Amino acid sequence: MGTTDRPPYGAWQNALTVLQEAHPASIPDGPHVMTVVIEYPPGDPGTPPHRHSGPAFGYVLEGEMLLEIEGEAPRVVRAGETFWEPGGDVIHYQDGNNRTDTRLRFLVTMLCAPGQPMLTLVEESELAERASARRPA
């Protein structure tokens, strides 16, 4: 069958589903972009408070994440839902598994500043100084 004999394909016209749109305040110049899958066992608290050098965009593949970003109330993000964080100076307080009976798996694409680590843990002294920026649930 030649290219002119192909049946008309139209699925592409309805194949796109927008899951998330964001308007990051800044994107590092010449970013290093990486996509990672993170998996936590049941009940795992996740990464200690940290920050990323650029914005991060995520999608929960399985389970439920307890997510807390500085300036926002903690919230649960379930499988099939998206999340994002602006990065930079903003503290990412929680990304733990909200469930004790199943694992949590999520995918994150991060735009990191060149030459900087993917994440940097936040010292206890800084957490104390910025405690007023945390919002209750």
Protein backbone atom coordinates (compact mmCIF):
# COMPACT_ATOMS: atom_id res chain seq x y z
CA MET A 1 0.00 0.00 0.00
CA GLY A 2 1.61 3.33 -1.04
CA THR A 3 1.42 6.57 0.90
CA THR A 4 -1.42 7.78 -1.31
CA ASP A 5 -3.35 4.57 -0.62
CA ARG A 6 -3.33 4.94 3.19
CA PRO A 7 -6.64 5.10 4.98
CA PRO A 8 -7.32 8.54 6.45
CA TYR A 9 -6.13 8.79 10.03
CA GLY A 10 -7.90 11.28 12.24
CA ALA A 11 -7.27 10.07 15.77
CA TRP A 12 -4.45 12.61 16.15
CA GLN A 13 -7.04 15.40 16.04
CA ASN A 14 -8.49 14.23 19.38
CA ALA A 15 -5.43 12.54 20.88
CA LEU A 16 -4.27 15.50 22.98
CA THR A 17 -5.50 15.97 26.55
CA VAL A 18 -4.09 18.93 28.46
CA LEU A 19 -3.34 17.78 32.02
CA GLN A 20 -1.72 20.91 33.36
CA GLU A 21 -0.81 24.43 32.38
CA ALA A 22 1.40 26.74 34.43
CA HIS A 23 3.05 30.12 34.15
CA PRO A 24 6.34 29.88 36.06
CA ALA A 25 7.70 33.23 37.18
CA SER A 26 11.14 32.26 35.98
CA ILE A 27 12.96 29.53 34.16
CA PRO A 28 16.73 29.31 34.61
CA ASP A 29 18.80 30.30 31.57
CA GLY A 30 20.16 27.23 29.78
CA PRO A 31 18.28 24.80 32.05
CA HIS A 32 19.22 21.18 32.55
CA VAL A 33 15.90 19.37 32.09
CA MET A 34 15.27 15.96 33.59
CA THR A 35 12.27 13.69 33.98
CA VAL A 36 12.37 11.24 36.88
CA VAL A 37 10.07 8.67 38.47
CA ILE A 38 9.98 8.66 42.26
CA GLU A 39 8.59 5.77 44.28
CA TYR A 40 7.87 5.70 48.02
CA PRO A 41 6.67 2.68 50.00
CA PRO A 42 3.43 2.82 52.01
CA GLY A 43 3.44 5.56 54.66
CA ASP A 44 6.86 6.95 53.67
CA PRO A 45 7.19 10.66 54.56
CA GLY A 46 9.14 11.43 51.37
CA THR A 47 11.98 13.89 50.91
CA PRO A 48 12.74 16.24 53.83
CA PRO A 49 12.00 19.95 53.19
CA HIS A 50 13.92 21.07 50.10
CA ARG A 51 13.90 23.38 47.10
CA HIS A 52 14.57 23.04 43.40
CA SER A 53 16.58 25.54 41.34
CA GLY A 54 13.80 25.79 38.74
CA PRO A 55 10.17 24.81 38.23
CA ALA A 56 9.02 21.21 38.52
CA PHE A 57 5.96 19.64 36.89
CA GLY A 58 4.57 16.34 38.12
CA TYR A 59 1.98 13.64 37.57
CA VAL A 60 0.96 11.01 40.12
CA LEU A 61 1.06 7.59 38.49
CA GLU A 62 -0.07 5.50 41.46
CA GLY A 63 -1.24 6.16 45.02
CA GLU A 64 -1.67 9.50 46.79
CA MET A 65 0.88 12.19 47.58
CA LEU A 66 0.63 14.60 50.49
CA LEU A 67 2.04 17.75 48.88
CA GLU A 68 2.96 20.96 50.65
CA ILE A 69 4.62 23.89 48.93
CA GLU A 70 5.50 27.10 50.76
CA GLY A 71 2.58 29.54 50.73
CA GLU A 72 0.01 26.82 49.93
CA ALA A 73 -2.06 24.62 52.22
CA PRO A 74 -1.09 20.93 52.22
CA ARG A 75 -3.17 18.91 49.78
CA VAL A 76 -3.54 15.36 48.54
CA VAL A 77 -2.68 14.68 44.89
CA ARG A 78 -4.12 11.39 43.65
CA ALA A 79 -3.22 9.06 40.79
CA GLY A 80 -4.05 10.75 37.49
CA GLU A 81 -3.66 14.27 38.91
CA THR A 82 -0.92 16.80 38.27
CA PHE A 83 1.05 19.26 40.39
CA TRP A 84 3.74 21.86 39.88
CA GLU A 85 5.98 24.05 41.93
CA PRO A 86 7.79 27.23 40.94
CA GLY A 87 11.22 26.27 42.29
CA GLY A 88 13.80 28.89 43.15
CA ASP A 89 13.53 30.15 46.72
CA VAL A 90 10.19 28.38 47.41
CA ILE A 91 10.41 25.54 49.97
CA HIS A 92 8.87 22.18 49.14
CA TYR A 93 7.87 20.89 52.60
CA GLN A 94 6.19 17.56 51.83
CA ASP A 95 5.87 15.02 49.03
CA GLY A 96 5.20 11.91 51.10
CA ASN A 97 2.98 8.90 50.59
CA ASN A 98 -0.44 9.76 52.02
CA ARG A 99 -1.41 6.07 52.17
CA THR A 100 -0.19 3.28 54.44
CA ASP A 101 -1.56 0.46 52.26
CA THR A 102 -0.02 1.12 48.84
CA ARG A 103 3.06 2.65 47.24
CA LEU A 104 3.26 6.11 45.73
CA ARG A 105 4.77 6.59 42.26
CA PHE A 106 5.01 9.95 40.57
CA LEU A 107 6.75 11.41 37.55
CA VAL A 108 8.42 14.83 37.70
CA THR A 109 10.01 16.95 34.98
CA MET A 110 12.36 19.57 36.44
CA LEU A 111 14.09 22.53 34.83
CA CYS A 112 17.26 22.85 36.88
CA ALA A 113 19.73 25.72 36.80
CA PRO A 114 22.96 24.56 35.12
CA GLY A 115 25.58 23.29 37.55
CA GLN A 116 23.14 23.16 40.48
CA PRO A 117 21.80 19.99 42.10
CA MET A 118 18.33 18.67 41.36
CA LEU A 119 17.32 19.49 44.93
CA THR A 120 18.83 21.12 47.99
CA LEU A 121 17.72 20.24 51.52
CA VAL A 122 16.65 23.16 53.71
CA GLU A 123 18.35 23.62 57.08
CA GLU A 124 16.30 23.54 60.30
CA SER A 125 17.31 27.14 61.10
CA GLU A 126 15.82 28.38 57.80
CA LEU A 127 12.63 26.39 58.37
CA ALA A 128 12.26 28.12 61.75
CA GLU A 129 12.86 31.57 60.19
CA ARG A 130 10.24 31.00 57.51
CA ALA A 131 7.65 29.20 59.65
CA SER A 132 5.13 32.01 59.09
CA ALA A 133 5.04 31.18 55.33
CA ARG A 134 3.48 27.75 56.01
CA ARG A 135 -0.28 27.55 55.64
CA PRO A 136 -2.37 25.16 57.73
CA ALA A 137 -4.47 22.48 56.07
